[in-house]
Structures are given as C-alpha cells and as structure tokens.
C-alpha cells in the first residue's frame, strides 16, 4: 500500500529521505571541506602505517577509504574500533581520529594513547572534546557540518579522508573521480526515488522482499566488503530490522554450513549478493554455486551489481541503493528511520557507570 505524503512525513519527521537522496551533493562537499592547521607538519617519509580510529557511522568512512585504496596505497590502512591501539602504533603512525560528535569515548581513549605514543595526528569532527583537542594541540583537522546522524553524514566522513590522502601524496587526481562519481550517483538515483512506483523501483522491491525477513548480505573481499557492512548497518539502524553481513570467500569455510537449522529461521532469510567488476573470478564462481545451493534450500536470493565509471562510483552506487532500500523498509515497518533509541540508552547507561 502506498503511503501518502502526510503519512511519510509523520514517519520521517527528521527527513532522513532527503539526507540519503542528496548524498552526491554531500560527498562533493565533504571532499572539498577545508583542512585547518598546517598539514605540512605531517612527515609522510616517516609514516609506515595509517590507523583511523572511530566507531559506527564515524568509522565507516575509513572502511570505505581502506576498501577503495586497497591497491593504491603501499602502506597498511587499519580501522581501529576500540578503546586501545595495537602495539605497533607509534611515532611512525599517521593516526586519524574520526568522531562525528567529538565525544565518542572509545575514540577519545584511543586518541590519548596515540598522543602518548607520539603518533602524527589528524582529526575529523564536528567539535566536542575532540575538536577542542585539535585546536589545543594545533593538529591539522577538518570541521564537519553538524546536525546529522553520523550514518547520514557518510559524505562528510569519507570525503575529507580522501582529500587528506591526496594532499599527502598517497593518491592523485581524486577530484576528477569524485566529480564523475557524484554525477553518476545523481543520475542513477532518479530510478530509485520516492516518486518511482515499486514496480519500476528496484530499491523499493528489495524493501518489500525484506518485510518480516532477516537480510544476510554477502560481498567479495577488498572493494565491496565495506559495502556489505554498510548495507547491514543501514537496515538495522534505519529499518530497526535485524540484518547480518559476511565476506566471501571466508564465509564459505564456516557460515555456509549453517543454512539448515533452525528451519523456521532459515525460511525467514533473504540473502543479498553484492557483486561488481572488481570481484575476482573465484568470488564470481563461488557466488554462482552458492546461489544454486541456497535456491535448492528455497532461500530467497537477490543479486545487486555495482556500476559506474570508476571504482569509487561502483562502491557508492551499491551504498546508495542499500541506503534507499533500508529507508523504504523503515516505511514498511512504520518506524522512524532517524532515531536510534537503544544506542542512546546504552550510552546513557555507560555514562552513569563512569
């Protein structure tokens, strides 16, 4: 049943739809955000690894950067989601602290360790404690536009990181790639918008298939692995619906065996394969065989293929599709896609325990 504009506005008072639909503009703006402070203080000749610290929506930009630059940057890029840092992190580490609020306790704790170990530091935040530390210590930093849910600020969490990598000389000509990506996203979203009926809208069709189901999202390692994590996270946060993700070929060695029991739960699954030109022949072959196995078990499967003029566009077309599908599922579930009350409850309880 189609919802009226009034019903949609009631379900989505914070207008998450516009945040998702206007992502191409946000990505371009994010890439162009000014870097404050002196970036020349970063001595790239001394850097042996890059560690991005962050949590949730603030960390996903780093995940995408790692995936996108998998074959471009010659030193490791690590995403650290924890209170502490690996032992190898030291003065030869470029530590990028990413916290949208600036008050994420795990990120602040890891930042303090990195500071004590003499890391070269760059900060990306809207402000908060981390923003104050950036100014106090004169670190190069990017001030992100405030007022969004972190997961709705992906263009702002990813764009500045890519600009930093380019400014430091790890990659080149990213401005042209970002521009082409945004143009492609702007064109492709027209087929997935709210004004396009379900029978002609693939994102709405997927949302309908996920009603009262559990999504299991699979992708190949490297370029599309982060997309699977984002896809899962958006279904959980926007639609308040359980979803899971894993990476091929790893899940073939364990999880694939688990599609027998419990039978009532297995019948509730919808397996989504995220594919694209960057997939290895091995992954492509495996997905074809796995699809046959799951279909024989009468499990619903869906294939989504990344498209675009470059690798960045391929990554973000899948993300854009997943974001919109999760939004439409929220409407089907008659739930507001913006708030994450249970996460806020957890944070409040943790603050009381400190």
Protein backbone atom coordinates (compact mmCIF):
# COMPACT_ATOMS: atom_id res chain seq x y z
CA UNK A 1 0.00 0.00 0.00
CA UNK A 2 1.36 3.41 -0.98
CA UNK A 3 1.76 5.90 1.85
CA UNK A 4 0.52 9.45 1.49
CA UNK A 5 2.99 12.36 1.80
CA UNK A 6 1.40 13.18 5.17
CA UNK A 7 1.94 9.63 6.43
CA UNK A 8 5.57 9.66 5.26
CA UNK A 9 6.21 12.99 6.94
CA UNK A 10 4.78 11.62 10.17
CA UNK A 11 7.02 8.54 9.99
CA UNK A 12 10.08 10.56 8.92
CA UNK A 13 9.87 13.93 10.71
CA UNK A 14 13.65 14.47 10.52
CA UNK A 15 13.58 13.87 6.74
CA UNK A 16 16.12 11.07 6.54
CA UNK A 17 14.99 10.56 2.96
CA UNK A 18 16.48 13.88 1.84
CA UNK A 19 19.73 13.09 3.65
CA UNK A 20 20.00 9.87 1.67
CA UNK A 21 18.81 11.23 -1.66
CA UNK A 22 21.14 14.25 -1.51
CA UNK A 23 24.21 12.12 -0.82
CA UNK A 24 26.01 13.02 -4.10
CA UNK A 25 25.99 16.68 -3.07
CA UNK A 26 27.23 15.78 0.41
CA UNK A 27 30.08 13.68 -1.00
CA UNK A 28 31.27 16.55 -3.17
CA UNK A 29 31.02 18.97 -0.26
CA UNK A 30 32.85 16.54 2.02
CA UNK A 31 35.73 16.18 -0.40
CA UNK A 32 36.02 19.98 -0.62
CA UNK A 33 35.92 20.72 3.12
CA UNK A 34 38.93 22.83 4.19
CA UNK A 35 41.71 21.26 6.22
CA UNK A 36 42.55 23.59 9.09
CA UNK A 37 46.01 23.85 10.55
CA UNK A 38 49.31 23.03 8.91
CA UNK A 39 49.15 19.73 7.01
CA UNK A 40 52.85 20.07 6.18
CA UNK A 41 53.60 19.07 9.77
CA UNK A 42 52.78 15.51 8.72
CA UNK A 43 56.06 13.88 7.69
CA UNK A 44 54.95 11.22 5.21
CA UNK A 45 58.52 9.94 4.80
CA UNK A 46 58.35 8.68 8.39
CA UNK A 47 54.89 7.10 8.17
CA UNK A 48 54.79 3.30 7.98
CA UNK A 49 51.07 2.75 8.62
CA UNK A 50 47.79 4.67 8.74
CA UNK A 51 45.34 4.00 11.57
CA UNK A 52 41.86 5.52 11.52
CA UNK A 53 40.14 5.44 14.91
CA UNK A 54 36.36 5.74 15.11
CA UNK A 55 33.12 3.94 15.83
CA UNK A 56 29.87 3.30 13.97
CA UNK A 57 28.93 5.86 11.34
CA UNK A 58 32.12 7.81 12.01
CA UNK A 59 34.31 4.79 11.18
CA UNK A 60 32.55 3.68 8.01
CA UNK A 61 34.23 6.46 6.00
CA UNK A 62 37.58 4.95 6.97
CA UNK A 63 36.38 1.49 5.99
CA UNK A 64 35.41 2.74 2.54
CA UNK A 65 38.75 4.53 2.19
CA UNK A 66 40.59 1.30 3.02
CA UNK A 67 38.49 -0.67 0.52
CA UNK A 68 38.74 1.93 -2.23
CA UNK A 69 42.51 2.35 -1.89
CA UNK A 70 43.24 -1.35 -1.40
CA UNK A 71 45.58 -1.46 -4.39
CA UNK A 72 46.67 2.18 -4.40
CA UNK A 73 48.41 2.86 -1.08
CA UNK A 74 51.58 0.93 -0.37
CA UNK A 75 51.34 1.06 3.44
CA UNK A 76 48.65 -0.57 5.61
CA UNK A 77 45.42 1.31 6.37
CA UNK A 78 43.85 -0.03 9.57
CA UNK A 79 40.45 0.87 11.04
CA UNK A 80 40.58 0.71 14.83
CA UNK A 81 37.23 0.33 16.64
CA UNK A 82 38.33 0.06 20.25
CA UNK A 83 39.40 1.88 23.38
CA UNK A 84 43.03 0.89 22.83
CA UNK A 85 45.52 0.79 19.98
CA UNK A 86 47.59 -2.09 18.58
CA UNK A 87 51.13 -2.28 19.91
CA UNK A 88 52.67 -1.37 16.53
CA UNK A 89 51.14 2.13 16.64
CA UNK A 90 53.91 4.64 17.36
CA UNK A 91 55.64 7.76 16.00
CA UNK A 92 55.64 6.18 12.54
CA UNK A 93 51.84 6.02 12.51
CA UNK A 94 49.51 8.52 10.89
CA UNK A 95 46.60 8.47 13.34
CA UNK A 96 43.34 9.91 12.01
CA UNK A 97 40.77 10.39 14.77
CA UNK A 98 37.23 10.44 13.37
CA UNK A 99 34.27 11.16 15.65
CA UNK A 100 31.24 12.97 14.31
CA UNK A 101 30.14 14.14 17.76
CA UNK A 102 33.68 14.60 19.01
CA UNK A 103 32.71 12.86 22.23
CA UNK A 104 32.89 9.15 21.36
CA UNK A 105 34.53 7.61 24.40
CA UNK A 106 36.32 4.80 22.56
CA UNK A 107 37.80 7.26 20.07
CA UNK A 108 38.89 9.69 22.77
CA UNK A 109 40.60 6.88 24.70
CA UNK A 110 42.44 5.64 21.61
CA UNK A 111 43.38 9.23 20.72
CA UNK A 112 45.04 9.73 24.11
CA UNK A 113 47.10 6.58 23.61
CA UNK A 114 48.14 7.74 20.16
CA UNK A 115 49.15 11.13 21.52
CA UNK A 116 51.26 9.50 24.24
CA UNK A 117 52.99 7.29 21.68
CA UNK A 118 53.95 10.25 19.51
CA UNK A 119 51.71 9.50 16.53
CA UNK A 120 51.31 12.04 13.75
CA UNK A 121 47.68 13.08 14.21
CA UNK A 122 44.86 14.48 12.07
CA UNK A 123 41.31 14.97 13.40
CA UNK A 124 37.90 14.99 11.71
CA UNK A 125 34.90 16.01 13.85
CA UNK A 126 32.05 18.47 14.26
CA UNK A 127 33.52 19.66 17.54
CA UNK A 128 33.08 18.30 21.07
CA UNK A 129 36.05 17.22 23.14
CA UNK A 130 37.97 16.02 20.10
CA UNK A 131 37.51 19.34 18.33
CA UNK A 132 38.83 21.17 21.38
CA UNK A 133 41.85 18.86 21.48
CA UNK A 134 42.55 19.57 17.81
CA UNK A 135 42.74 23.32 18.47
CA UNK A 136 44.56 22.95 21.80
CA UNK A 137 47.31 20.77 20.27
CA UNK A 138 47.36 22.55 16.89
CA UNK A 139 46.67 19.36 14.95
CA UNK A 140 45.59 19.52 11.31
CA UNK A 141 41.84 18.99 11.41
CA UNK A 142 38.59 19.10 9.47
CA UNK A 143 35.42 20.53 11.00
CA UNK A 144 32.43 18.57 9.68
CA UNK A 145 28.94 20.07 9.25
CA UNK A 146 26.89 19.30 12.36
CA UNK A 147 23.27 18.33 12.95
CA UNK A 148 23.14 14.92 11.27
CA UNK A 149 23.00 11.32 12.40
CA UNK A 150 26.59 10.02 11.93
CA UNK A 151 25.40 7.39 9.45
CA UNK A 152 23.70 10.16 7.45
CA UNK A 153 26.98 12.06 7.20
CA UNK A 154 28.93 9.49 5.17
CA UNK A 155 29.96 12.02 2.53
CA UNK A 156 31.45 14.17 5.27
CA UNK A 157 33.21 11.26 6.97
CA UNK A 158 34.68 9.86 3.73
CA UNK A 159 35.31 12.94 1.56
CA UNK A 160 37.83 14.67 3.86
CA UNK A 161 39.78 11.42 4.33
CA UNK A 162 40.16 11.05 0.58
CA UNK A 163 41.27 14.66 0.28
CA UNK A 164 43.83 14.10 3.04
CA UNK A 165 45.24 11.05 1.24
CA UNK A 166 45.56 13.10 -1.91
CA UNK A 167 47.09 16.12 -0.18
CA UNK A 168 49.66 13.87 1.48
CA UNK A 169 50.60 12.34 -1.88
CA UNK A 170 49.26 8.81 -1.43
CA UNK A 171 46.88 9.14 -4.41
CA UNK A 172 46.30 11.65 -7.20
CA UNK A 173 43.53 13.19 -9.33
CA UNK A 174 40.76 12.28 -6.93
CA UNK A 175 38.84 15.48 -7.64
CA UNK A 176 38.00 14.27 -11.14
CA UNK A 177 36.96 10.86 -9.81
CA UNK A 178 34.73 12.36 -7.11
CA UNK A 179 33.07 14.66 -9.63
CA UNK A 180 32.37 11.78 -12.04
CA UNK A 181 31.10 9.64 -9.17
CA UNK A 182 28.69 12.31 -7.94
CA UNK A 183 27.36 12.88 -11.46
CA UNK A 184 26.73 9.16 -11.88
CA UNK A 185 25.04 8.86 -8.48
CA UNK A 186 22.83 11.85 -9.24
CA UNK A 187 21.68 10.20 -12.47
CA UNK A 188 21.22 6.68 -11.11
CA UNK A 189 19.22 7.75 -8.04
CA UNK A 190 16.41 9.01 -10.27
CA UNK A 191 15.32 5.40 -10.85
CA UNK A 192 15.17 4.76 -7.10
CA UNK A 193 13.45 7.87 -5.77
CA UNK A 194 10.29 8.11 -3.72
CA UNK A 195 8.32 9.22 -6.77
CA UNK A 196 9.10 5.98 -8.62
CA UNK A 197 6.49 3.26 -8.04
CA UNK A 198 7.57 -0.10 -6.63
CA UNK A 199 7.02 -1.96 -9.91
CA UNK A 200 9.74 0.22 -11.50
CA UNK A 201 11.87 0.82 -8.41
CA UNK A 202 14.42 -1.89 -7.55
CA UNK A 203 15.19 -0.43 -4.10
CA UNK A 204 11.53 -0.49 -3.11
CA UNK A 205 11.22 -4.03 -4.48
CA UNK A 206 14.08 -5.18 -2.26
CA UNK A 207 12.49 -3.49 0.74
CA UNK A 208 9.25 -5.37 0.06
CA UNK A 209 11.15 -8.67 -0.05
CA UNK A 210 12.74 -7.86 3.32
CA UNK A 211 9.43 -7.31 5.11
CA UNK A 212 9.33 -9.67 8.10
CA UNK A 213 12.60 -11.24 6.93
CA UNK A 214 16.25 -11.21 8.01
CA UNK A 215 18.77 -9.91 5.49
CA UNK A 216 22.11 -11.68 5.08
CA UNK A 217 24.46 -9.58 2.95
CA UNK A 218 27.49 -11.09 1.21
CA UNK A 219 30.25 -9.39 -0.76
CA UNK A 220 33.72 -10.19 -2.01
CA UNK A 221 36.77 -9.10 -0.02
CA UNK A 222 38.51 -5.77 -0.69
CA UNK A 223 36.42 -3.37 -2.77
CA UNK A 224 32.87 -4.33 -1.74
CA UNK A 225 33.40 -5.76 1.75
CA UNK A 226 32.71 -2.43 3.42
CA UNK A 227 29.58 -2.00 1.33
CA UNK A 228 28.18 -5.20 2.85
CA UNK A 229 28.83 -3.85 6.36
CA UNK A 230 27.18 -0.53 5.48
CA UNK A 231 24.22 -2.32 3.86
CA UNK A 232 23.69 -4.38 7.01
CA UNK A 233 24.10 -1.41 9.32
CA UNK A 234 21.58 0.73 7.46
CA UNK A 235 18.93 -1.99 7.58
CA UNK A 236 19.50 -2.32 11.33
CA UNK A 237 19.55 1.40 12.13
CA UNK A 238 17.08 2.84 9.62
CA UNK A 239 14.55 -0.01 9.44
CA UNK A 240 15.15 -1.30 13.01
CA UNK A 241 15.33 -4.74 11.41
CA UNK A 242 17.92 -7.45 12.03
CA UNK A 243 20.50 -7.98 9.29
CA UNK A 244 23.90 -9.64 9.06
CA UNK A 245 26.88 -9.43 6.73
CA UNK A 246 29.91 -11.51 5.86
CA UNK A 247 32.69 -11.66 3.30
CA UNK A 248 33.46 -14.14 0.51
CA UNK A 249 35.40 -16.42 0.38
CA UNK A 250 35.75 -16.58 4.19
CA UNK A 251 32.11 -17.40 4.96
CA UNK A 252 32.31 -20.38 2.57
CA UNK A 253 34.51 -22.11 5.13
CA UNK A 254 32.04 -21.94 8.02
CA UNK A 255 28.81 -19.96 7.77
CA UNK A 256 27.66 -21.67 4.58
CA UNK A 257 27.14 -24.87 6.54
CA UNK A 258 24.62 -23.22 8.85
CA UNK A 259 21.72 -22.82 6.43
CA UNK A 260 19.92 -25.94 7.65
CA UNK A 261 18.79 -25.12 11.19
CA UNK A 262 16.59 -23.92 12.70
CA UNK A 263 14.33 -24.41 9.67
CA UNK A 264 11.78 -21.78 10.71
CA UNK A 265 14.54 -19.18 10.94
CA UNK A 266 16.18 -20.23 7.66
CA UNK A 267 12.83 -19.71 5.93
CA UNK A 268 12.95 -16.08 7.07
CA UNK A 269 16.27 -15.30 5.39
CA UNK A 270 16.88 -13.18 2.30
CA UNK A 271 20.46 -13.47 1.03
CA UNK A 272 21.76 -10.44 -0.85
CA UNK A 273 24.85 -10.85 -3.03
CA UNK A 274 26.73 -7.61 -3.72
CA UNK A 275 28.78 -8.05 -6.88
CA UNK A 276 30.78 -5.90 -9.28
CA UNK A 277 33.58 -5.64 -11.82
CA UNK A 278 36.22 -5.70 -9.07
CA UNK A 279 35.27 -9.21 -7.96
CA UNK A 280 37.85 -11.91 -8.59
CA UNK A 281 36.91 -14.84 -10.80
CA UNK A 282 36.99 -17.02 -7.70
CA UNK A 283 34.37 -14.93 -5.91
CA UNK A 284 32.16 -14.78 -9.02
CA UNK A 285 32.25 -18.56 -9.38
CA UNK A 286 31.57 -19.10 -5.69
CA UNK A 287 28.54 -16.79 -5.69
CA UNK A 288 27.06 -18.66 -8.64
CA UNK A 289 27.44 -22.03 -6.89
CA UNK A 290 26.25 -20.70 -3.53
CA UNK A 291 23.18 -19.20 -5.14
CA UNK A 292 22.30 -22.62 -6.57
CA UNK A 293 22.77 -24.26 -3.15
CA UNK A 294 20.58 -21.69 -1.37
CA UNK A 295 17.92 -21.73 -4.06
CA UNK A 296 17.65 -25.51 -3.67
CA UNK A 297 17.00 -24.84 0.03
CA UNK A 298 14.20 -22.46 -1.05
CA UNK A 299 16.02 -19.43 0.38
CA UNK A 300 15.29 -16.13 -1.37
CA UNK A 301 18.37 -14.62 -3.03
CA UNK A 302 18.98 -11.24 -4.64
CA UNK A 303 21.93 -10.14 -6.78
CA UNK A 304 22.93 -6.48 -6.89
CA UNK A 305 25.70 -5.38 -9.23
CA UNK A 306 27.93 -2.35 -8.72
CA UNK A 307 28.02 0.03 -11.67
CA UNK A 308 29.70 3.29 -12.57
CA UNK A 309 32.52 4.98 -14.48
CA UNK A 310 35.15 4.21 -11.82
CA UNK A 311 35.74 2.10 -8.71
CA UNK A 312 34.53 4.80 -6.34
CA UNK A 313 31.24 5.08 -8.20
CA UNK A 314 30.82 1.31 -8.08
CA UNK A 315 31.18 1.35 -4.30
CA UNK A 316 28.79 4.23 -3.79
CA UNK A 317 26.09 3.04 -6.21
CA UNK A 318 25.69 -0.05 -4.06
CA UNK A 319 25.69 2.07 -0.90
CA UNK A 320 23.13 4.47 -2.34
CA UNK A 321 20.90 1.54 -3.29
CA UNK A 322 21.20 -0.02 0.17
CA UNK A 323 20.54 3.27 1.95
CA UNK A 324 17.34 3.85 -0.03
CA UNK A 325 16.19 0.24 0.36
CA UNK A 326 16.68 0.47 4.14
CA UNK A 327 14.66 3.70 4.18
CA UNK A 328 11.78 2.12 2.28
CA UNK A 329 11.89 -0.84 4.66
CA UNK A 330 11.57 1.62 7.56
CA UNK A 331 8.39 2.96 5.97
CA UNK A 332 7.07 -0.59 5.50
CA UNK A 333 7.85 -1.28 9.17
CA UNK A 334 6.14 2.02 10.05
CA UNK A 335 9.14 3.17 12.07
CA UNK A 336 11.02 6.47 12.13
CA UNK A 337 14.36 5.84 10.34
CA UNK A 338 16.30 8.54 12.20
CA UNK A 339 16.44 7.85 15.95
CA UNK A 340 18.47 5.02 17.46
CA UNK A 341 16.98 4.95 20.95
CA UNK A 342 18.62 1.74 22.09
CA UNK A 343 22.10 3.07 21.27
CA UNK A 344 21.34 6.26 23.20
CA UNK A 345 20.13 4.14 26.11
CA UNK A 346 23.40 2.22 26.08
CA UNK A 347 25.47 5.41 26.03
CA UNK A 348 23.49 6.89 28.91
CA UNK A 349 23.92 3.74 30.98
CA UNK A 350 27.66 3.73 30.31
CA UNK A 351 27.97 7.37 31.37
CA UNK A 352 26.24 6.57 34.66
CA UNK A 353 28.74 3.75 35.29
CA UNK A 354 31.78 6.04 34.88
